[in-house]
Amino acid sequence: MNAHPRRAVLSAAVSASVLAAAGVPMQAFAQSKIKVAAVYTVPVEQQWVSRIHKALNAAKDRGAIEYEFSESVANADYERVMRQFAEKGAQFIVGESFAVEAAARKVAKDYPKISFLMGSSGKPQAPNFSVFDNYIQEPAYLTGMIAGGMTKSNRIGMVGGFPIPEVNRLMNAFMAGAKETNPKVEFMVIFINSWFDPPKAKEAAFAMIDKGADVMYAERFGVSDAAKERGKLAIGNVIDTQKSYPDTVVVSALWNMEPTIERALEAVKSGKFKAEDYGQYSMMKYKGSELSPLGTFESKIPADLVKRVRERERAILDGKFTVKVDDNQPKPTAK
């Protein structure tokens, strides 16, 4: 992971935070701002974390919470930073515990009066450790449909961070969507074993383009840069980067963390927060994910392809079509 200066936006301590640290029930804070802290292992600019950061900042801007965070936290320091926020009086702690599950869950056990909402592949842990994940396989499938219809070489390159369920399910959905519109399409798949290394992702993309890929699935930053330099197309993931790559990024599968954060905050405010799985709120029916606007590619995508995608999108929203959740590592099919 690239080095990045750690920033922390610190809020002034208030009497409510002192009470929280002392274990006063959550109901006591119903009329005050909720003191929220987040611990991120990557810079807040990174796609996945940026969506959590955006949702929490939206809650802060409307006056619902006080928000402080620490970014680029090493796995070895994660537990220590969580405990620091807990001791300072955080009522609600958010983060990503994928690589630090045992440590994060231990902290939650030690602070049963604090609510925790963590990105995790695991199950909720009573009484106060809830989990979430980016179940955005539905728009990923739709972007795959577009990619399958846009490739001329029938070769699509895919660059991912790590082959974990959270990445695998999106790649597999994308591949299934591409196969629906183009049964002849083949895939090249590379994992760079980093969550934030744009140069490495860019080099991986170049290698695929050199082997004939004319559409790139940009699960990581750096891939769209390679596609732009070589005059190829890219499909975005989690955030919409088309404004930065107007002639390169065709469409993206967007993740909206606001529905998840809003439900969790309401539970904290009402004193009803409990250990549960918030993953479903990342799905399209809850507006937790969506297909990005076609924007600069509105007139460049064949009309019949757009029609097929919109019909599939409507079927998903109506509950008539289910995108399979496949957490297995995707296999390359191109030689």
C-alpha atoms as a PDB file:
ATOM      1  CA  MET A   1       0.000   0.000   0.000  1.00  0.00           C
ATOM      2  CA  ASN A   2       1.330   3.429  -0.852  1.00  0.00           C
ATOM      3  CA  ALA A   3       2.403   5.601   2.030  1.00  0.00           C
ATOM      4  CA  HIS A   4      -0.060   8.314   2.846  1.00  0.00           C
ATOM      5  CA  PRO A   5      -0.125  10.850   5.688  1.00  0.00           C
ATOM      6  CA  ARG A   6      -2.641   9.979   8.342  1.00  0.00           C
ATOM      7  CA  ARG A   7      -5.213  12.611   9.039  1.00  0.00           C
ATOM      8  CA  ALA A   8      -7.617  12.857  11.893  1.00  0.00           C
ATOM      9  CA  VAL A   9     -10.583  15.194  12.108  1.00  0.00           C
ATOM     10  CA  LEU A  10     -11.049  15.584  15.820  1.00  0.00           C
ATOM     11  CA  SER A  11     -14.179  16.916  17.484  1.00  0.00           C
ATOM     12  CA  ALA A  12     -14.139  18.622  20.848  1.00  0.00           C
ATOM     13  CA  ALA A  13     -15.101  16.403  23.762  1.00  0.00           C
ATOM     14  CA  VAL A  14     -18.590  16.920  25.131  1.00  0.00           C
ATOM     15  CA  SER A  15     -20.245  15.798  28.301  1.00  0.00           C
ATOM     16  CA  ALA A  16     -22.203  13.114  26.432  1.00  0.00           C
ATOM     17  CA  SER A  17     -18.968  11.454  25.347  1.00  0.00           C
ATOM     18  CA  VAL A  18     -17.809  11.267  28.954  1.00  0.00           C
ATOM     19  CA  LEU A  19     -21.055   9.586  29.911  1.00  0.00           C
ATOM     20  CA  ALA A  20     -20.730   7.153  27.010  1.00  0.00           C
ATOM     21  CA  ALA A  21     -17.272   6.104  28.142  1.00  0.00           C
ATOM     22  CA  ALA A  22     -18.724   5.512  31.586  1.00  0.00           C
ATOM     23  CA  GLY A  23     -21.261   3.101  30.142  1.00  0.00           C
ATOM     24  CA  VAL A  24     -24.426   5.214  30.294  1.00  0.00           C
ATOM     25  CA  PRO A  25     -27.187   3.582  28.169  1.00  0.00           C
ATOM     26  CA  MET A  26     -27.469   4.792  24.595  1.00  0.00           C
ATOM     27  CA  GLN A  27     -30.981   6.123  25.132  1.00  0.00           C
ATOM     28  CA  ALA A  28     -29.471   9.021  27.073  1.00  0.00           C
ATOM     29  CA  PHE A  29     -28.110  10.499  23.836  1.00  0.00           C
ATOM     30  CA  ALA A  30     -31.335  10.548  21.859  1.00  0.00           C
ATOM     31  CA  GLN A  31     -31.435  14.365  21.711  1.00  0.00           C
ATOM     32  CA  SER A  32     -27.724  15.075  21.131  1.00  0.00           C
ATOM     33  CA  LYS A  33     -25.307  14.553  18.298  1.00  0.00           C
ATOM     34  CA  ILE A  34     -23.935  11.037  18.096  1.00  0.00           C
ATOM     35  CA  LYS A  35     -20.183  10.907  18.533  1.00  0.00           C
ATOM     36  CA  VAL A  36     -18.875   8.795  15.654  1.00  0.00           C
ATOM     37  CA  ALA A  37     -15.354   7.565  14.964  1.00  0.00           C
ATOM     38  CA  ALA A  38     -14.044   5.628  11.970  1.00  0.00           C
ATOM     39  CA  VAL A  39     -10.868   3.621  11.541  1.00  0.00           C
ATOM     40  CA  TYR A  40      -9.667   3.035   7.982  1.00  0.00           C
ATOM     41  CA  THR A  41      -6.706   0.943   6.820  1.00  0.00           C
ATOM     42  CA  VAL A  42      -6.392   2.912   3.572  1.00  0.00           C
ATOM     43  CA  PRO A  43      -6.585   6.591   2.559  1.00  0.00           C
ATOM     44  CA  VAL A  44     -10.102   7.997   2.434  1.00  0.00           C
ATOM     45  CA  GLU A  45      -9.566   8.574  -1.298  1.00  0.00           C
ATOM     46  CA  GLN A  46      -9.627   4.811  -1.875  1.00  0.00           C
ATOM     47  CA  GLN A  47     -12.875   3.789  -3.596  1.00  0.00           C
ATOM     48  CA  TRP A  48     -14.408   1.518  -0.977  1.00  0.00           C
ATOM     49  CA  VAL A  49     -13.602   3.621   2.064  1.00  0.00           C
ATOM     50  CA  SER A  50     -14.528   6.845   0.274  1.00  0.00           C
ATOM     51  CA  ARG A  51     -18.175   5.745   0.214  1.00  0.00           C
ATOM     52  CA  ILE A  52     -18.299   5.237   3.987  1.00  0.00           C
ATOM     53  CA  HIS A  53     -16.502   8.546   4.509  1.00  0.00           C
ATOM     54  CA  LYS A  54     -18.960  10.312   2.196  1.00  0.00           C
ATOM     55  CA  ALA A  55     -22.006   8.948   4.036  1.00  0.00           C
ATOM     56  CA  LEU A  56     -20.627   9.894   7.453  1.00  0.00           C
ATOM     57  CA  ASN A  57     -19.709  13.373   6.256  1.00  0.00           C
ATOM     58  CA  ALA A  58     -23.264  13.808   4.967  1.00  0.00           C
ATOM     59  CA  ALA A  59     -24.595  12.975   8.440  1.00  0.00           C
ATOM     60  CA  LYS A  60     -22.081  15.374   9.966  1.00  0.00           C
ATOM     61  CA  ASP A  61     -23.029  18.183   7.579  1.00  0.00           C
ATOM     62  CA  ARG A  62     -26.679  17.976   8.519  1.00  0.00           C
ATOM     63  CA  GLY A  63     -25.793  18.117  12.207  1.00  0.00           C
ATOM     64  CA  ALA A  64     -26.689  14.548  13.172  1.00  0.00           C
ATOM     65  CA  ILE A  65     -23.235  13.461  14.301  1.00  0.00           C
ATOM     66  CA  GLU A  66     -19.776  14.544  15.369  1.00  0.00           C
ATOM     67  CA  TYR A  67     -17.275  12.707  13.200  1.00  0.00           C
ATOM     68  CA  GLU A  68     -13.598  11.937  13.612  1.00  0.00           C
ATOM     69  CA  PHE A  69     -11.505   9.394  11.757  1.00  0.00           C
ATOM     70  CA  SER A  70      -8.075   7.963  11.292  1.00  0.00           C
ATOM     71  CA  GLU A  71      -6.916   6.698   7.895  1.00  0.00           C
ATOM     72  CA  SER A  72      -4.041   4.562   6.577  1.00  0.00           C
ATOM     73  CA  VAL A  73      -3.957   2.658   9.861  1.00  0.00           C
ATOM     74  CA  ALA A  74      -1.682  -0.389   9.724  1.00  0.00           C
ATOM     75  CA  ASN A  75      -3.297  -3.692  10.650  1.00  0.00           C
ATOM     76  CA  ALA A  76      -0.956  -3.970  13.632  1.00  0.00           C
ATOM     77  CA  ASP A  77      -2.213  -0.609  14.937  1.00  0.00           C
ATOM     78  CA  TYR A  78      -5.899  -1.128  14.263  1.00  0.00           C
ATOM     79  CA  GLU A  79      -6.889  -2.403  17.705  1.00  0.00           C
ATOM     80  CA  ARG A  80      -4.947   0.366  19.443  1.00  0.00           C
ATOM     81  CA  VAL A  81      -6.659   3.083  17.395  1.00  0.00           C
ATOM     82  CA  MET A  82     -10.085   1.558  18.004  1.00  0.00           C
ATOM     83  CA  ARG A  83      -9.425   1.564  21.742  1.00  0.00           C
ATOM     84  CA  GLN A  84      -8.256   5.170  21.650  1.00  0.00           C
ATOM     85  CA  PHE A  85     -11.532   6.257  20.079  1.00  0.00           C
ATOM     86  CA  ALA A  86     -13.501   4.141  22.560  1.00  0.00           C
ATOM     87  CA  GLU A  87     -11.680   5.682  25.515  1.00  0.00           C
ATOM     88  CA  LYS A  88     -12.291   9.182  24.144  1.00  0.00           C
ATOM     89  CA  GLY A  89     -16.035   8.559  24.272  1.00  0.00           C
ATOM     90  CA  ALA A  90     -17.066   7.460  20.801  1.00  0.00           C
ATOM     91  CA  GLN A  91     -20.607   6.105  20.838  1.00  0.00           C
ATOM     92  CA  PHE A  92     -20.497   4.572  17.367  1.00  0.00           C
ATOM     93  CA  ILE A  93     -17.353   3.154  15.731  1.00  0.00           C
ATOM     94  CA  VAL A  94     -17.206   2.288  12.024  1.00  0.00           C
ATOM     95  CA  GLY A  95     -14.443   0.561  10.111  1.00  0.00           C
ATOM     96  CA  GLU A  96     -13.262  -2.402   8.008  1.00  0.00           C
ATOM     97  CA  SER A  97     -12.229  -5.428  10.018  1.00  0.00           C
ATOM     98  CA  PHE A  98     -11.560  -7.884   7.171  1.00  0.00           C
ATOM     99  CA  ALA A  99      -7.878  -8.319   8.040  1.00  0.00           C
ATOM    100  CA  VAL A 100      -8.273  -7.684  11.768  1.00  0.00           C
ATOM    101  CA  GLU A 101     -11.419  -9.588  12.693  1.00  0.00           C
ATOM    102  CA  ALA A 102     -10.194 -11.043  15.989  1.00  0.00           C
ATOM    103  CA  ALA A 103      -8.801  -7.749  17.236  1.00  0.00           C
ATOM    104  CA  ALA A 104     -11.871  -5.704  16.274  1.00  0.00           C
ATOM    105  CA  ARG A 105     -14.264  -8.180  17.849  1.00  0.00           C
ATOM    106  CA  LYS A 106     -12.183  -8.207  21.015  1.00  0.00           C
ATOM    107  CA  VAL A 107     -12.491  -4.435  21.294  1.00  0.00           C
ATOM    108  CA  ALA A 108     -16.258  -4.652  20.845  1.00  0.00           C
ATOM    109  CA  LYS A 109     -16.461  -7.186  23.689  1.00  0.00           C
ATOM    110  CA  ASP A 110     -14.497  -4.856  25.947  1.00  0.00           C
ATOM    111  CA  TYR A 111     -16.837  -1.920  25.230  1.00  0.00           C
ATOM    112  CA  PRO A 112     -20.370  -3.399  25.245  1.00  0.00           C
ATOM    113  CA  LYS A 113     -22.029   0.029  25.548  1.00  0.00           C
ATOM    114  CA  ILE A 114     -20.480   1.274  22.299  1.00  0.00           C
ATOM    115  CA  SER A 115     -22.047   0.392  18.939  1.00  0.00           C
ATOM    116  CA  PHE A 116     -19.760  -1.047  16.255  1.00  0.00           C
ATOM    117  CA  LEU A 117     -20.487  -1.327  12.519  1.00  0.00           C
ATOM    118  CA  MET A 118     -17.652  -3.017  10.666  1.00  0.00           C
ATOM    119  CA  GLY A 119     -17.041  -4.149   7.120  1.00  0.00           C
ATOM    120  CA  SER A 120     -16.673  -7.890   7.550  1.00  0.00           C
ATOM    121  CA  SER A 121     -17.053 -11.257   5.861  1.00  0.00           C
ATOM    122  CA  GLY A 122     -18.090 -12.690   9.222  1.00  0.00           C
ATOM    123  CA  LYS A 123     -21.288 -12.764  11.224  1.00  0.00           C
ATOM    124  CA  PRO A 124     -22.621 -10.211  13.719  1.00  0.00           C
ATOM    125  CA  GLN A 125     -21.401 -10.624  17.289  1.00  0.00           C
ATOM    126  CA  ALA A 126     -23.808  -9.968  20.155  1.00  0.00           C
ATOM    127  CA  PRO A 127     -24.521  -7.598  21.666  1.00  0.00           C
ATOM    128  CA  ASN A 128     -22.960  -4.672  19.791  1.00  0.00           C
ATOM    129  CA  PHE A 129     -20.909  -5.762  16.754  1.00  0.00           C
ATOM    130  CA  SER A 130     -22.823  -5.360  13.493  1.00  0.00           C
ATOM    131  CA  VAL A 131     -21.400  -6.047  10.052  1.00  0.00           C
ATOM    132  CA  PHE A 132     -21.874  -4.734   6.526  1.00  0.00           C
ATOM    133  CA  ASP A 133     -20.494  -5.463   3.093  1.00  0.00           C
ATOM    134  CA  ASN A 134     -20.708  -4.040  -0.406  1.00  0.00           C
ATOM    135  CA  TYR A 135     -23.332  -6.266  -1.974  1.00  0.00           C
ATOM    136  CA  ILE A 136     -23.360  -4.366  -5.264  1.00  0.00           C
ATOM    137  CA  GLN A 137     -23.337  -7.425  -7.500  1.00  0.00           C
ATOM    138  CA  GLU A 138     -26.562  -6.257  -9.159  1.00  0.00           C
ATOM    139  CA  PRO A 139     -25.180  -3.118 -10.845  1.00  0.00           C
ATOM    140  CA  ALA A 140     -21.919  -5.029 -11.437  1.00  0.00           C
ATOM    141  CA  TYR A 141     -23.933  -7.495 -13.513  1.00  0.00           C
ATOM    142  CA  LEU A 142     -25.457  -4.629 -15.482  1.00  0.00           C
ATOM    143  CA  THR A 143     -22.055  -3.092 -16.192  1.00  0.00           C
ATOM    144  CA  GLY A 144     -20.934  -6.511 -17.390  1.00  0.00           C
ATOM    145  CA  MET A 145     -23.804  -6.575 -19.862  1.00  0.00           C
ATOM    146  CA  ILE A 146     -22.593  -3.270 -21.263  1.00  0.00           C
ATOM    147  CA  ALA A 147     -18.973  -4.425 -21.396  1.00  0.00           C
ATOM    148  CA  GLY A 148     -19.940  -7.584 -23.249  1.00  0.00           C
ATOM    149  CA  GLY A 149     -21.766  -5.546 -25.827  1.00  0.00           C
ATOM    150  CA  MET A 150     -18.994  -2.976 -26.233  1.00  0.00           C
ATOM    151  CA  THR A 151     -15.936  -5.198 -26.688  1.00  0.00           C
ATOM    152  CA  LYS A 152     -14.798  -5.733 -30.248  1.00  0.00           C
ATOM    153  CA  SER A 153     -11.938  -8.108 -29.480  1.00  0.00           C
ATOM    154  CA  ASN A 154     -14.124 -10.274 -27.198  1.00  0.00           C
ATOM    155  CA  ARG A 155     -11.393  -9.938 -24.569  1.00  0.00           C
ATOM    156  CA  ILE A 156     -11.977  -8.155 -21.277  1.00  0.00           C
ATOM    157  CA  GLY A 157      -9.253  -7.509 -18.703  1.00  0.00           C
ATOM    158  CA  MET A 158     -10.039  -7.491 -14.979  1.00  0.00           C
ATOM    159  CA  VAL A 159      -7.755  -6.100 -12.276  1.00  0.00           C
ATOM    160  CA  GLY A 160      -8.689  -6.666  -8.628  1.00  0.00           C
ATOM    161  CA  GLY A 161      -7.126  -5.980  -5.241  1.00  0.00           C
ATOM    162  CA  PHE A 162      -7.332  -9.260  -3.328  1.00  0.00           C
ATOM    163  CA  PRO A 163      -9.399 -12.359  -4.212  1.00  0.00           C
ATOM    164  CA  ILE A 164     -11.695 -12.049  -1.184  1.00  0.00           C
ATOM    165  CA  PRO A 165     -15.491 -12.506  -1.240  1.00  0.00           C
ATOM    166  CA  GLU A 166     -16.145  -8.744  -1.402  1.00  0.00           C
ATOM    167  CA  VAL A 167     -14.197  -8.505  -4.660  1.00  0.00           C
ATOM    168  CA  ASN A 168     -14.946 -11.941  -6.086  1.00  0.00           C
ATOM    169  CA  ARG A 169     -18.715 -11.517  -5.997  1.00  0.00           C
ATOM    170  CA  LEU A 170     -18.543  -8.319  -8.042  1.00  0.00           C
ATOM    171  CA  MET A 171     -16.163  -9.768 -10.607  1.00  0.00           C
ATOM    172  CA  ASN A 172     -18.251 -12.927 -11.000  1.00  0.00           C
ATOM    173  CA  ALA A 173     -21.436 -10.885 -11.426  1.00  0.00           C
ATOM    174  CA  PHE A 174     -19.707  -8.675 -13.995  1.00  0.00           C
ATOM    175  CA  MET A 175     -18.516 -11.745 -15.924  1.00  0.00           C
ATOM    176  CA  ALA A 176     -22.003 -13.285 -15.876  1.00  0.00           C
ATOM    177  CA  GLY A 177     -23.510 -10.061 -17.197  1.00  0.00           C
ATOM    178  CA  ALA A 178     -20.950  -9.878 -19.993  1.00  0.00           C
ATOM    179  CA  LYS A 179     -21.691 -13.485 -20.944  1.00  0.00           C
ATOM    180  CA  GLU A 180     -25.400 -12.676 -21.218  1.00  0.00           C
ATOM    181  CA  THR A 181     -24.835 -10.132 -23.966  1.00  0.00           C
ATOM    182  CA  ASN A 182     -21.777 -11.770 -25.506  1.00  0.00           C
ATOM    183  CA  PRO A 183     -21.306 -15.541 -25.049  1.00  0.00           C
ATOM    184  CA  LYS A 184     -17.996 -15.337 -26.925  1.00  0.00           C
ATOM    185  CA  VAL A 185     -16.290 -13.000 -24.468  1.00  0.00           C
ATOM    186  CA  GLU A 186     -13.145 -14.160 -22.671  1.00  0.00           C
ATOM    187  CA  PHE A 187     -11.614 -12.783 -19.479  1.00  0.00           C
ATOM    188  CA  MET A 188      -8.141 -12.095 -18.177  1.00  0.00           C
ATOM    189  CA  VAL A 189      -7.987 -11.785 -14.374  1.00  0.00           C
ATOM    190  CA  ILE A 190      -5.184 -10.420 -12.197  1.00  0.00           C
ATOM    191  CA  PHE A 191      -5.098  -9.579  -8.482  1.00  0.00           C
ATOM    192  CA  ILE A 192      -2.422  -7.085  -7.414  1.00  0.00           C
ATOM    193  CA  ASN A 193      -2.570  -8.031  -3.699  1.00  0.00           C
ATOM    194  CA  SER A 194      -3.019  -4.437  -2.596  1.00  0.00           C
ATOM    195  CA  TRP A 195      -5.980  -2.217  -1.876  1.00  0.00           C
ATOM    196  CA  PHE A 196      -4.260   0.952  -2.996  1.00  0.00           C
ATOM    197  CA  ASP A 197      -1.403   0.728  -5.473  1.00  0.00           C
ATOM    198  CA  PRO A 198      -2.422   2.578  -8.671  1.00  0.00           C
ATOM    199  CA  PRO A 199       0.964   2.109 -10.413  1.00  0.00           C
ATOM    200  CA  LYS A 200       0.819  -1.664  -9.907  1.00  0.00           C
ATOM    201  CA  ALA A 201      -2.786  -1.820 -11.114  1.00  0.00           C
ATOM    202  CA  LYS A 202      -1.869   0.262 -14.141  1.00  0.00           C
ATOM    203  CA  GLU A 203       0.966  -2.065 -15.111  1.00  0.00           C
ATOM    204  CA  ALA A 204      -1.318  -5.086 -14.756  1.00  0.00           C
ATOM    205  CA  ALA A 205      -3.837  -3.396 -17.047  1.00  0.00           C
ATOM    206  CA  PHE A 206      -1.151  -2.617 -19.639  1.00  0.00           C
ATOM    207  CA  ALA A 207      -0.199  -6.297 -19.702  1.00  0.00           C
ATOM    208  CA  MET A 208      -3.794  -7.292 -20.453  1.00  0.00           C
ATOM    209  CA  ILE A 209      -4.232  -4.644 -23.112  1.00  0.00           C
ATOM    210  CA  ASP A 210      -1.064  -5.916 -24.764  1.00  0.00           C
ATOM    211  CA  LYS A 211      -2.764  -9.328 -24.950  1.00  0.00           C
ATOM    212  CA  GLY A 212      -5.825  -7.957 -26.718  1.00  0.00           C
ATOM    213  CA  ALA A 213      -8.183  -6.655 -24.043  1.00  0.00           C
ATOM    214  CA  ASP A 214     -10.137  -3.651 -25.317  1.00  0.00           C
ATOM    215  CA  VAL A 215     -12.385  -3.236 -22.255  1.00  0.00           C
ATOM    216  CA  MET A 216     -10.970  -3.123 -18.719  1.00  0.00           C
ATOM    217  CA  TYR A 217     -12.819  -3.789 -15.470  1.00  0.00           C
ATOM    218  CA  ALA A 218     -11.322  -1.210 -13.107  1.00  0.00           C
ATOM    219  CA  GLU A 219     -11.845  -2.696  -9.658  1.00  0.00           C
ATOM    220  CA  ARG A 220      -8.739  -0.742  -8.550  1.00  0.00           C
ATOM    221  CA  PHE A 221      -7.448   2.761  -9.164  1.00  0.00           C
ATOM    222  CA  GLY A 222      -4.856   2.891 -11.950  1.00  0.00           C
ATOM    223  CA  VAL A 223      -6.685   0.668 -14.432  1.00  0.00           C
ATOM    224  CA  SER A 224      -8.623   3.499 -16.051  1.00  0.00           C
ATOM    225  CA  ASP A 225      -5.369   5.437 -16.491  1.00  0.00           C
ATOM    226  CA  ALA A 226      -3.936   2.544 -18.484  1.00  0.00           C
ATOM    227  CA  ALA A 227      -7.095   2.289 -20.594  1.00  0.00           C
ATOM    228  CA  LYS A 228      -7.039   6.016 -21.285  1.00  0.00           C
ATOM    229  CA  GLU A 229      -3.394   5.971 -22.366  1.00  0.00           C
ATOM    230  CA  ARG A 230      -3.999   3.079 -24.758  1.00  0.00           C
ATOM    231  CA  GLY A 231      -7.335   4.314 -26.111  1.00  0.00           C
ATOM    232  CA  LYS A 232      -9.361   1.460 -24.602  1.00  0.00           C
ATOM    233  CA  LEU A 233     -12.572   1.431 -22.567  1.00  0.00           C
ATOM    234  CA  ALA A 234     -12.988   0.925 -18.828  1.00  0.00           C
ATOM    235  CA  ILE A 235     -15.822  -0.067 -16.497  1.00  0.00           C
ATOM    236  CA  GLY A 236     -15.800   1.587 -13.083  1.00  0.00           C
ATOM    237  CA  ASN A 237     -16.464   0.105  -9.664  1.00  0.00           C
ATOM    238  CA  VAL A 238     -17.937   1.595  -6.464  1.00  0.00           C
ATOM    239  CA  ILE A 239     -17.535   5.241  -7.546  1.00  0.00           C
ATOM    240  CA  ASP A 240     -18.253   7.128 -10.777  1.00  0.00           C
ATOM    241  CA  THR A 241     -15.003   8.372 -12.339  1.00  0.00           C
ATOM    242  CA  GLN A 242     -16.394   9.251 -15.756  1.00  0.00           C
ATOM    243  CA  LYS A 243     -15.837  12.976 -15.193  1.00  0.00           C
ATOM    244  CA  SER A 244     -12.114  12.283 -14.919  1.00  0.00           C
ATOM    245  CA  TYR A 245     -12.153   9.865 -17.872  1.00  0.00           C
ATOM    246  CA  PRO A 246     -14.963  11.115 -20.168  1.00  0.00           C
ATOM    247  CA  ASP A 247     -13.779   9.134 -23.191  1.00  0.00           C
ATOM    248  CA  THR A 248     -12.714   6.024 -21.271  1.00  0.00           C
ATOM    249  CA  VAL A 249     -15.070   5.066 -18.421  1.00  0.00           C
ATOM    250  CA  VAL A 250     -18.291   3.827 -19.997  1.00  0.00           C
ATOM    251  CA  VAL A 251     -20.303   3.172 -16.840  1.00  0.00           C
ATOM    252  CA  SER A 252     -19.823   2.176 -13.200  1.00  0.00           C
ATOM    253  CA  ALA A 253     -21.475   0.075 -10.521  1.00  0.00           C
ATOM    254  CA  LEU A 254     -22.040   2.567  -7.707  1.00  0.00           C
ATOM    255  CA  TRP A 255     -22.122   1.819  -3.994  1.00  0.00           C
ATOM    256  CA  ASN A 256     -24.176   4.149  -1.800  1.00  0.00           C
ATOM    257  CA  MET A 257     -23.399   3.690   1.885  1.00  0.00           C
ATOM    258  CA  GLU A 258     -25.991   6.219   3.054  1.00  0.00           C
ATOM    259  CA  PRO A 259     -28.881   3.719   3.509  1.00  0.00           C
ATOM    260  CA  THR A 260     -26.683   1.557   5.746  1.00  0.00           C
ATOM    261  CA  ILE A 261     -25.331   4.449   7.798  1.00  0.00           C
ATOM    262  CA  GLU A 262     -28.765   6.043   8.231  1.00  0.00           C
ATOM    263  CA  ARG A 263     -30.309   2.847   9.588  1.00  0.00           C
ATOM    264  CA  ALA A 264     -27.409   2.277  11.957  1.00  0.00           C
ATOM    265  CA  LEU A 265     -27.458   5.850  13.253  1.00  0.00           C
ATOM    266  CA  GLU A 266     -31.197   5.685  13.864  1.00  0.00           C
ATOM    267  CA  ALA A 267     -30.692   2.506  15.874  1.00  0.00           C
ATOM    268  CA  VAL A 268     -27.935   4.123  17.938  1.00  0.00           C
ATOM    269  CA  LYS A 269     -30.010   7.244  18.525  1.00  0.00           C
ATOM    270  CA  SER A 270     -33.037   5.254  19.679  1.00  0.00           C
ATOM    271  CA  GLY A 271     -30.958   2.977  21.882  1.00  0.00           C
ATOM    272  CA  LYS A 272     -31.990  -0.057  19.814  1.00  0.00           C
ATOM    273  CA  PHE A 273     -28.670  -0.834  18.143  1.00  0.00           C
ATOM    274  CA  LYS A 274     -27.913  -4.557  18.211  1.00  0.00           C
ATOM    275  CA  ALA A 275     -25.712  -7.063  16.428  1.00  0.00           C
ATOM    276  CA  GLU A 276     -27.110  -7.577  12.932  1.00  0.00           C
ATOM    277  CA  ASP A 277     -26.060  -7.848   9.304  1.00  0.00           C
ATOM    278  CA  TYR A 278     -26.555  -4.610   7.371  1.00  0.00           C
ATOM    279  CA  GLY A 279     -25.331  -6.096   4.088  1.00  0.00           C
ATOM    280  CA  GLN A 280     -28.733  -6.099   2.409  1.00  0.00           C
ATOM    281  CA  TYR A 281     -28.901  -2.306   2.512  1.00  0.00           C
ATOM    282  CA  SER A 282     -26.214  -2.171  -0.184  1.00  0.00           C
ATOM    283  CA  MET A 283     -28.610  -3.717  -2.677  1.00  0.00           C
ATOM    284  CA  MET A 284     -30.480  -1.813  -5.375  1.00  0.00           C
ATOM    285  CA  LYS A 285     -33.941  -2.090  -3.835  1.00  0.00           C
ATOM    286  CA  TYR A 286     -32.698  -0.087  -0.836  1.00  0.00           C
ATOM    287  CA  LYS A 287     -30.849   2.376  -3.101  1.00  0.00           C
ATOM    288  CA  GLY A 288     -27.597   1.099  -1.651  1.00  0.00           C
ATOM    289  CA  SER A 289     -26.273   0.535  -5.156  1.00  0.00           C
ATOM    290  CA  GLU A 290     -27.101   1.590  -8.678  1.00  0.00           C
ATOM    291  CA  LEU A 291     -25.912   1.806 -12.245  1.00  0.00           C
ATOM    292  CA  SER A 292     -24.232   5.139 -12.863  1.00  0.00           C
ATOM    293  CA  PRO A 293     -25.604   7.552 -15.496  1.00  0.00           C
ATOM    294  CA  LEU A 294     -24.282   6.781 -18.969  1.00  0.00           C
ATOM    295  CA  GLY A 295     -23.213  10.407 -19.344  1.00  0.00           C
ATOM    296  CA  THR A 296     -20.700  10.887 -22.135  1.00  0.00           C
ATOM    297  CA  PHE A 297     -21.445   7.394 -23.451  1.00  0.00           C
ATOM    298  CA  GLU A 298     -25.213   7.923 -23.678  1.00  0.00           C
ATOM    299  CA  SER A 299     -25.090   8.011 -27.476  1.00  0.00           C
ATOM    300  CA  LYS A 300     -22.067   5.743 -27.886  1.00  0.00           C
ATOM    301  CA  ILE A 301     -23.668   2.578 -26.494  1.00  0.00           C
ATOM    302  CA  PRO A 302     -25.924   0.803 -29.034  1.00  0.00           C
ATOM    303  CA  ALA A 303     -29.586   1.540 -28.345  1.00  0.00           C
ATOM    304  CA  ASP A 304     -30.568  -2.124 -28.366  1.00  0.00           C
ATOM    305  CA  LEU A 305     -27.902  -2.868 -25.737  1.00  0.00           C
ATOM    306  CA  VAL A 306     -29.137  -0.032 -23.517  1.00  0.00           C
ATOM    307  CA  LYS A 307     -32.679  -1.394 -23.869  1.00  0.00           C
ATOM    308  CA  ARG A 308     -31.586  -4.870 -22.729  1.00  0.00           C
ATOM    309  CA  VAL A 309     -29.741  -3.424 -19.746  1.00  0.00           C
ATOM    310  CA  ARG A 310     -32.709  -1.278 -18.685  1.00  0.00           C
ATOM    311  CA  GLU A 311     -35.042  -4.267 -18.945  1.00  0.00           C
ATOM    312  CA  ARG A 312     -32.715  -6.325 -16.773  1.00  0.00           C
ATOM    313  CA  GLU A 313     -32.390  -3.446 -14.307  1.00  0.00           C
ATOM    314  CA  ARG A 314     -36.174  -3.246 -13.990  1.00  0.00           C
ATOM    315  CA  ALA A 315     -36.426  -7.011 -13.512  1.00  0.00           C
ATOM    316  CA  ILE A 316     -33.907  -6.796 -10.649  1.00  0.00           C
ATOM    317  CA  LEU A 317     -35.804  -3.984  -8.951  1.00  0.00           C
ATOM    318  CA  ASP A 318     -39.115  -5.830  -9.404  1.00  0.00           C
ATOM    319  CA  GLY A 319     -37.654  -8.962  -7.860  1.00  0.00           C
ATOM    320  CA  LYS A 320     -38.067 -10.941 -11.091  1.00  0.00           C
ATOM    321  CA  PHE A 321     -34.357 -11.493 -11.642  1.00  0.00           C
ATOM    322  CA  THR A 322     -31.762 -12.356  -9.013  1.00  0.00           C
ATOM    323  CA  VAL A 323     -28.050 -11.843  -9.543  1.00  0.00           C
ATOM    324  CA  LYS A 324     -26.209 -14.808  -8.086  1.00  0.00           C
ATOM    325  CA  VAL A 325     -23.817 -14.110  -5.215  1.00  0.00           C
ATOM    326  CA  ASP A 326     -20.670 -16.052  -6.083  1.00  0.00           C
ATOM    327  CA  ASP A 327     -17.837 -15.436  -3.632  1.00  0.00           C
ATOM    328  CA  ASN A 328     -15.424 -17.869  -5.270  1.00  0.00           C
ATOM    329  CA  GLN A 329     -12.256 -16.543  -6.880  1.00  0.00           C
ATOM    330  CA  PRO A 330     -12.972 -15.818 -10.560  1.00  0.00           C
ATOM    331  CA  LYS A 331     -10.975 -17.812 -13.066  1.00  0.00           C
ATOM    332  CA  PRO A 332      -9.458 -16.382 -16.245  1.00  0.00           C
ATOM    333  CA  THR A 333     -10.824 -17.887 -19.458  1.00  0.00           C
ATOM    334  CA  ALA A 334      -8.547 -16.216 -21.994  1.00  0.00           C
ATOM    335  CA  LYS A 335      -5.279 -17.903 -22.936  1.00  0.00           C
END
